[in-house]
PDB file of N, CA and C in Angstrom:
ATOM      1  N   MET A   1     -16.036 -37.038  14.603  1.00  0.00           N
ATOM      2  CA  MET A   1     -15.733 -36.010  13.679  1.00  0.00           C
ATOM      3  C   MET A   1     -16.562 -34.687  14.024  1.00  0.00           C
ATOM      4  N   ARG A   2     -17.835 -34.896  14.273  1.00  0.00           N
ATOM      5  CA  ARG A   2     -18.672 -33.718  14.568  1.00  0.00           C
ATOM      6  C   ARG A   2     -18.209 -33.018  15.761  1.00  0.00           C
ATOM      7  N   ASP A   3     -17.910 -33.722  16.885  1.00  0.00           N
ATOM      8  CA  ASP A   3     -17.459 -33.042  18.201  1.00  0.00           C
ATOM      9  C   ASP A   3     -16.177 -32.409  17.961  1.00  0.00           C
ATOM     10  N   GLU A   4     -15.271 -32.935  17.224  1.00  0.00           N
ATOM     11  CA  GLU A   4     -13.970 -32.368  16.928  1.00  0.00           C
ATOM     12  C   GLU A   4     -14.081 -30.963  16.189  1.00  0.00           C
ATOM     13  N   HIS A   5     -14.940 -31.017  15.191  1.00  0.00           N
ATOM     14  CA  HIS A   5     -15.226 -29.795  14.432  1.00  0.00           C
ATOM     15  C   HIS A   5     -15.895 -28.696  15.411  1.00  0.00           C
ATOM     16  N   LEU A   6     -16.812 -29.114  16.197  1.00  0.00           N
ATOM     17  CA  LEU A   6     -17.446 -28.226  17.108  1.00  0.00           C
ATOM     18  C   LEU A   6     -16.369 -27.554  18.038  1.00  0.00           C
ATOM     19  N   ARG A   7     -15.578 -28.440  18.667  1.00  0.00           N
ATOM     20  CA  ARG A   7     -14.570 -27.947  19.578  1.00  0.00           C
ATOM     21  C   ARG A   7     -13.565 -27.027  18.936  1.00  0.00           C
ATOM     22  N   ASP A   8     -13.033 -27.536  17.804  1.00  0.00           N
ATOM     23  CA  ASP A   8     -11.877 -26.776  17.175  1.00  0.00           C
ATOM     24  C   ASP A   8     -12.231 -25.662  16.307  1.00  0.00           C
ATOM     25  N   GLN A   9     -13.279 -25.747  15.544  1.00  0.00           N
ATOM     26  CA  GLN A   9     -13.613 -24.795  14.525  1.00  0.00           C
ATOM     27  C   GLN A   9     -14.600 -23.778  15.018  1.00  0.00           C
ATOM     28  N   TYR A  10     -15.550 -24.117  15.884  1.00  0.00           N
ATOM     29  CA  TYR A  10     -16.581 -23.130  16.248  1.00  0.00           C
ATOM     30  C   TYR A  10     -16.421 -22.633  17.624  1.00  0.00           C
ATOM     31  N   LEU A  11     -16.184 -23.491  18.610  1.00  0.00           N
ATOM     32  CA  LEU A  11     -16.008 -23.063  19.923  1.00  0.00           C
ATOM     33  C   LEU A  11     -14.659 -22.642  20.318  1.00  0.00           C
ATOM     34  N   GLU A  12     -13.655 -23.050  19.510  1.00  0.00           N
ATOM     35  CA  GLU A  12     -12.216 -22.734  19.852  1.00  0.00           C
ATOM     36  C   GLU A  12     -11.942 -23.032  21.343  1.00  0.00           C
ATOM     37  N   SER A  13     -12.157 -24.295  21.699  1.00  0.00           N
ATOM     38  CA  SER A  13     -12.064 -24.680  23.073  1.00  0.00           C
ATOM     39  C   SER A  13     -10.642 -24.554  23.676  1.00  0.00           C
ATOM     40  N   LYS A  14      -9.662 -24.577  22.853  1.00  0.00           N
ATOM     41  CA  LYS A  14      -8.237 -24.377  23.318  1.00  0.00           C
ATOM     42  C   LYS A  14      -8.024 -22.866  23.754  1.00  0.00           C
ATOM     43  N   LYS A  15      -8.666 -21.969  22.991  1.00  0.00           N
ATOM     44  CA  LYS A  15      -8.560 -20.536  23.260  1.00  0.00           C
ATOM     45  C   LYS A  15      -9.480 -20.161  24.357  1.00  0.00           C
ATOM     46  N   PHE A  16     -10.708 -20.728  24.381  1.00  0.00           N
ATOM     47  CA  PHE A  16     -11.778 -20.439  25.339  1.00  0.00           C
ATOM     48  C   PHE A  16     -12.151 -21.698  26.068  1.00  0.00           C
ATOM     49  N   PRO A  17     -11.329 -22.203  27.087  1.00  0.00           N
ATOM     50  CA  PRO A  17     -11.555 -23.516  27.643  1.00  0.00           C
ATOM     51  C   PRO A  17     -12.685 -23.594  28.628  1.00  0.00           C
ATOM     52  N   THR A  18     -13.275 -22.458  29.003  1.00  0.00           N
ATOM     53  CA  THR A  18     -14.440 -22.630  29.921  1.00  0.00           C
ATOM     54  C   THR A  18     -15.697 -21.956  29.445  1.00  0.00           C
ATOM     55  N   ALA A  19     -16.801 -22.480  29.885  1.00  0.00           N
ATOM     56  CA  ALA A  19     -18.123 -21.902  29.655  1.00  0.00           C
ATOM     57  C   ALA A  19     -18.723 -21.766  31.050  1.00  0.00           C
ATOM     58  N   ILE A  20     -19.457 -20.653  31.289  1.00  0.00           N
ATOM     59  CA  ILE A  20     -20.033 -20.495  32.630  1.00  0.00           C
ATOM     60  C   ILE A  20     -21.489 -20.131  32.405  1.00  0.00           C
ATOM     61  N   LEU A  21     -22.357 -20.742  33.117  1.00  0.00           N
ATOM     62  CA  LEU A  21     -23.754 -20.574  33.140  1.00  0.00           C
ATOM     63  C   LEU A  21     -24.179 -20.140  34.591  1.00  0.00           C
ATOM     64  N   ASN A  22     -24.578 -18.881  34.746  1.00  0.00           N
ATOM     65  CA  ASN A  22     -25.050 -18.420  36.022  1.00  0.00           C
ATOM     66  C   ASN A  22     -26.576 -18.298  35.973  1.00  0.00           C
ATOM     67  N   ILE A  23     -27.307 -19.206  36.655  1.00  0.00           N
ATOM     68  CA  ILE A  23     -28.691 -19.207  36.715  1.00  0.00           C
ATOM     69  C   ILE A  23     -29.169 -18.208  37.793  1.00  0.00           C
ATOM     70  N   GLU A  24     -29.983 -17.230  37.271  1.00  0.00           N
ATOM     71  CA  GLU A  24     -30.454 -16.065  38.181  1.00  0.00           C
ATOM     72  C   GLU A  24     -31.859 -16.265  38.587  1.00  0.00           C
ATOM     73  N   ASN A  25     -32.680 -17.008  37.875  1.00  0.00           N
ATOM     74  CA  ASN A  25     -34.112 -17.115  38.202  1.00  0.00           C
ATOM     75  C   ASN A  25     -34.683 -18.409  37.732  1.00  0.00           C
ATOM     76  N   ILE A  26     -35.464 -19.101  38.556  1.00  0.00           N
ATOM     77  CA  ILE A  26     -36.244 -20.251  38.182  1.00  0.00           C
ATOM     78  C   ILE A  26     -37.550 -19.739  37.765  1.00  0.00           C
ATOM     79  N   VAL A  27     -37.935 -19.972  36.533  1.00  0.00           N
ATOM     80  CA  VAL A  27     -39.131 -19.435  35.983  1.00  0.00           C
ATOM     81  C   VAL A  27     -40.270 -20.460  36.248  1.00  0.00           C
ATOM     82  N   LYS A  28     -40.087 -21.685  36.163  1.00  0.00           N
ATOM     83  CA  LYS A  28     -41.140 -22.680  36.289  1.00  0.00           C
ATOM     84  C   LYS A  28     -40.561 -24.067  36.626  1.00  0.00           C
ATOM     85  N   VAL A  29     -41.227 -24.723  37.513  1.00  0.00           N
ATOM     86  CA  VAL A  29     -40.791 -26.121  37.864  1.00  0.00           C
ATOM     87  C   VAL A  29     -41.764 -27.054  37.034  1.00  0.00           C
ATOM     88  N   LYS A  30     -41.141 -27.902  36.197  1.00  0.00           N
ATOM     89  CA  LYS A  30     -42.055 -28.744  35.310  1.00  0.00           C
ATOM     90  C   LYS A  30     -42.991 -29.582  36.145  1.00  0.00           C
ATOM     91  N   GLY A  31     -44.272 -29.605  35.630  1.00  0.00           N
ATOM     92  CA  GLY A  31     -45.312 -30.358  36.301  1.00  0.00           C
ATOM     93  C   GLY A  31     -46.075 -29.495  37.354  1.00  0.00           C
ATOM     94  N   GLU A  32     -45.583 -28.416  37.687  1.00  0.00           N
ATOM     95  CA  GLU A  32     -46.215 -27.521  38.588  1.00  0.00           C
ATOM     96  C   GLU A  32     -46.896 -26.325  37.945  1.00  0.00           C
ATOM     97  N   GLU A  33     -48.219 -26.143  38.110  1.00  0.00           N
ATOM     98  CA  GLU A  33     -49.006 -25.120  37.505  1.00  0.00           C
ATOM     99  C   GLU A  33     -49.412 -24.092  38.503  1.00  0.00           C
ATOM    100  N   ARG A  34     -48.691 -24.012  39.666  1.00  0.00           N
ATOM    101  CA  ARG A  34     -49.083 -23.073  40.792  1.00  0.00           C
ATOM    102  C   ARG A  34     -48.467 -21.731  40.497  1.00  0.00           C
ATOM    103  N   LYS A  35     -49.015 -20.623  41.042  1.00  0.00           N
ATOM    104  CA  LYS A  35     -48.417 -19.254  40.829  1.00  0.00           C
ATOM    105  C   LYS A  35     -47.203 -19.010  41.617  1.00  0.00           C
ATOM    106  N   THR A  36     -47.001 -19.755  42.782  1.00  0.00           N
ATOM    107  CA  THR A  36     -45.791 -19.623  43.496  1.00  0.00           C
ATOM    108  C   THR A  36     -44.951 -20.930  43.413  1.00  0.00           C
ATOM    109  N   LEU A  37     -43.728 -20.782  43.164  1.00  0.00           N
ATOM    110  CA  LEU A  37     -42.853 -21.922  42.896  1.00  0.00           C
ATOM    111  C   LEU A  37     -42.654 -22.729  44.222  1.00  0.00           C
ATOM    112  N   PRO A  38     -42.742 -24.076  44.174  1.00  0.00           N
ATOM    113  CA  PRO A  38     -42.343 -24.884  45.338  1.00  0.00           C
ATOM    114  C   PRO A  38     -40.832 -24.777  45.674  1.00  0.00           C
ATOM    115  N   LYS A  39     -40.447 -25.047  46.847  1.00  0.00           N
ATOM    116  CA  LYS A  39     -39.077 -24.997  47.239  1.00  0.00           C
ATOM    117  C   LYS A  39     -38.322 -26.184  46.692  1.00  0.00           C
ATOM    118  N   LEU A  40     -37.247 -25.947  46.047  1.00  0.00           N
ATOM    119  CA  LEU A  40     -36.495 -27.103  45.528  1.00  0.00           C
ATOM    120  C   LEU A  40     -35.641 -27.670  46.673  1.00  0.00           C
ATOM    121  N   GLU A  41     -35.540 -29.028  46.803  1.00  0.00           N
ATOM    122  CA  GLU A  41     -34.939 -29.612  47.899  1.00  0.00           C
ATOM    123  C   GLU A  41     -33.516 -30.168  47.511  1.00  0.00           C
ATOM    124  N   ASN A  42     -32.572 -30.074  48.372  1.00  0.00           N
ATOM    125  CA  ASN A  42     -31.215 -30.576  48.123  1.00  0.00           C
ATOM    126  C   ASN A  42     -31.262 -32.109  47.904  1.00  0.00           C
ATOM    127  N   GLY A  43     -30.440 -32.560  47.002  1.00  0.00           N
ATOM    128  CA  GLY A  43     -30.417 -33.979  46.714  1.00  0.00           C
ATOM    129  C   GLY A  43     -31.509 -34.598  45.950  1.00  0.00           C
ATOM    130  N   LYS A  44     -32.602 -33.773  45.562  1.00  0.00           N
ATOM    131  CA  LYS A  44     -33.605 -34.254  44.707  1.00  0.00           C
ATOM    132  C   LYS A  44     -33.534 -33.601  43.307  1.00  0.00           C
ATOM    133  N   SER A  45     -33.839 -34.377  42.321  1.00  0.00           N
ATOM    134  CA  SER A  45     -33.765 -33.861  40.976  1.00  0.00           C
ATOM    135  C   SER A  45     -35.095 -33.378  40.477  1.00  0.00           C
ATOM    136  N   GLY A  46     -35.119 -32.576  39.465  1.00  0.00           N
ATOM    137  CA  GLY A  46     -36.344 -31.987  38.926  1.00  0.00           C
ATOM    138  C   GLY A  46     -36.023 -31.289  37.649  1.00  0.00           C
ATOM    139  N   TYR A  47     -36.971 -30.903  36.896  1.00  0.00           N
ATOM    140  CA  TYR A  47     -36.811 -30.147  35.729  1.00  0.00           C
ATOM    141  C   TYR A  47     -37.443 -28.784  35.882  1.00  0.00           C
ATOM    142  N   VAL A  48     -36.744 -27.750  35.438  1.00  0.00           N
ATOM    143  CA  VAL A  48     -37.084 -26.376  35.649  1.00  0.00           C
ATOM    144  C   VAL A  48     -36.819 -25.604  34.202  1.00  0.00           C
ATOM    145  N   ASP A  49     -37.575 -24.487  34.088  1.00  0.00           N
ATOM    146  CA  ASP A  49     -37.192 -23.477  33.097  1.00  0.00           C
ATOM    147  C   ASP A  49     -36.467 -22.469  33.945  1.00  0.00           C
ATOM    148  N   ALA A  50     -35.310 -21.905  33.435  1.00  0.00           N
ATOM    149  CA  ALA A  50     -34.558 -20.999  34.207  1.00  0.00           C
ATOM    150  C   ALA A  50     -34.021 -19.853  33.265  1.00  0.00           C
ATOM    151  N   GLU A  51     -33.773 -18.664  33.873  1.00  0.00           N
ATOM    152  CA  GLU A  51     -33.165 -17.526  33.127  1.00  0.00           C
ATOM    153  C   GLU A  51     -31.726 -17.419  33.680  1.00  0.00           C
ATOM    154  N   GLY A  52     -30.855 -16.956  32.803  1.00  0.00           N
ATOM    155  CA  GLY A  52     -29.485 -16.670  33.412  1.00  0.00           C
ATOM    156  C   GLY A  52     -28.570 -16.072  32.377  1.00  0.00           C
ATOM    157  N   LEU A  53     -27.303 -15.973  32.717  1.00  0.00           N
ATOM    158  CA  LEU A  53     -26.261 -15.438  31.798  1.00  0.00           C
ATOM    159  C   LEU A  53     -25.290 -16.539  31.464  1.00  0.00           C
ATOM    160  N   LEU A  54     -25.102 -16.661  30.164  1.00  0.00           N
ATOM    161  CA  LEU A  54     -24.245 -17.661  29.621  1.00  0.00           C
ATOM    162  C   LEU A  54     -22.930 -16.927  29.075  1.00  0.00           C
ATOM    163  N   LYS A  55     -21.773 -17.380  29.526  1.00  0.00           N
ATOM    164  CA  LYS A  55     -20.557 -16.844  29.053  1.00  0.00           C
ATOM    165  C   LYS A  55     -19.947 -17.980  28.267  1.00  0.00           C
ATOM    166  N   LEU A  56     -19.760 -17.845  26.956  1.00  0.00           N
ATOM    167  CA  LEU A  56     -19.271 -18.918  26.036  1.00  0.00           C
ATOM    168  C   LEU A  56     -18.475 -18.254  24.943  1.00  0.00           C
ATOM    169  N   HIS A  57     -17.348 -18.718  24.687  1.00  0.00           N
ATOM    170  CA  HIS A  57     -16.514 -18.264  23.531  1.00  0.00           C
ATOM    171  C   HIS A  57     -16.199 -16.828  23.576  1.00  0.00           C
ATOM    172  N   GLY A  58     -16.031 -16.280  24.803  1.00  0.00           N
ATOM    173  CA  GLY A  58     -15.780 -14.939  25.021  1.00  0.00           C
ATOM    174  C   GLY A  58     -16.944 -13.947  24.868  1.00  0.00           C
ATOM    175  N   VAL A  59     -18.138 -14.433  24.809  1.00  0.00           N
ATOM    176  CA  VAL A  59     -19.304 -13.680  24.653  1.00  0.00           C
ATOM    177  C   VAL A  59     -20.255 -13.948  25.838  1.00  0.00           C
ATOM    178  N   GLU A  60     -20.913 -12.887  26.424  1.00  0.00           N
ATOM    179  CA  GLU A  60     -21.989 -13.083  27.395  1.00  0.00           C
ATOM    180  C   GLU A  60     -23.316 -12.839  26.760  1.00  0.00           C
ATOM    181  N   LYS A  61     -24.334 -13.710  27.058  1.00  0.00           N
ATOM    182  CA  LYS A  61     -25.626 -13.612  26.528  1.00  0.00           C
ATOM    183  C   LYS A  61     -26.670 -14.038  27.547  1.00  0.00           C
ATOM    184  N   ARG A  62     -27.743 -13.285  27.709  1.00  0.00           N
ATOM    185  CA  ARG A  62     -28.866 -13.708  28.527  1.00  0.00           C
ATOM    186  C   ARG A  62     -29.564 -14.806  27.790  1.00  0.00           C
ATOM    187  N   VAL A  63     -29.917 -15.912  28.486  1.00  0.00           N
ATOM    188  CA  VAL A  63     -30.607 -16.970  27.922  1.00  0.00           C
ATOM    189  C   VAL A  63     -31.777 -17.505  28.728  1.00  0.00           C
ATOM    190  N   ILE A  64     -32.761 -18.246  28.217  1.00  0.00           N
ATOM    191  CA  ILE A  64     -33.754 -18.903  28.949  1.00  0.00           C
ATOM    192  C   ILE A  64     -33.629 -20.347  28.515  1.00  0.00           C
ATOM    193  N   MET A  65     -33.434 -21.272  29.514  1.00  0.00           N
ATOM    194  CA  MET A  65     -33.285 -22.650  29.263  1.00  0.00           C
ATOM    195  C   MET A  65     -34.606 -23.283  29.612  1.00  0.00           C
ATOM    196  N   LYS A  66     -35.056 -24.146  28.753  1.00  0.00           N
ATOM    197  CA  LYS A  66     -36.289 -24.938  28.919  1.00  0.00           C
ATOM    198  C   LYS A  66     -36.000 -26.433  28.988  1.00  0.00           C
TER     199      LYS A  66
END
């Protein structure tokens, strides 16, 4: 019921079927306390703090994801 309300009443997912997140900057790699960020490697997972632009429900907003 919660998911249905979120999709239909708040996000209006039929009217706005896509959400886009463009990550523009990696701020911090979790567990790394160095001043320069290490290179992220293809195929390996990790946790990062990132800045970017979120387009959702017809609105664009700058966000920081932690």
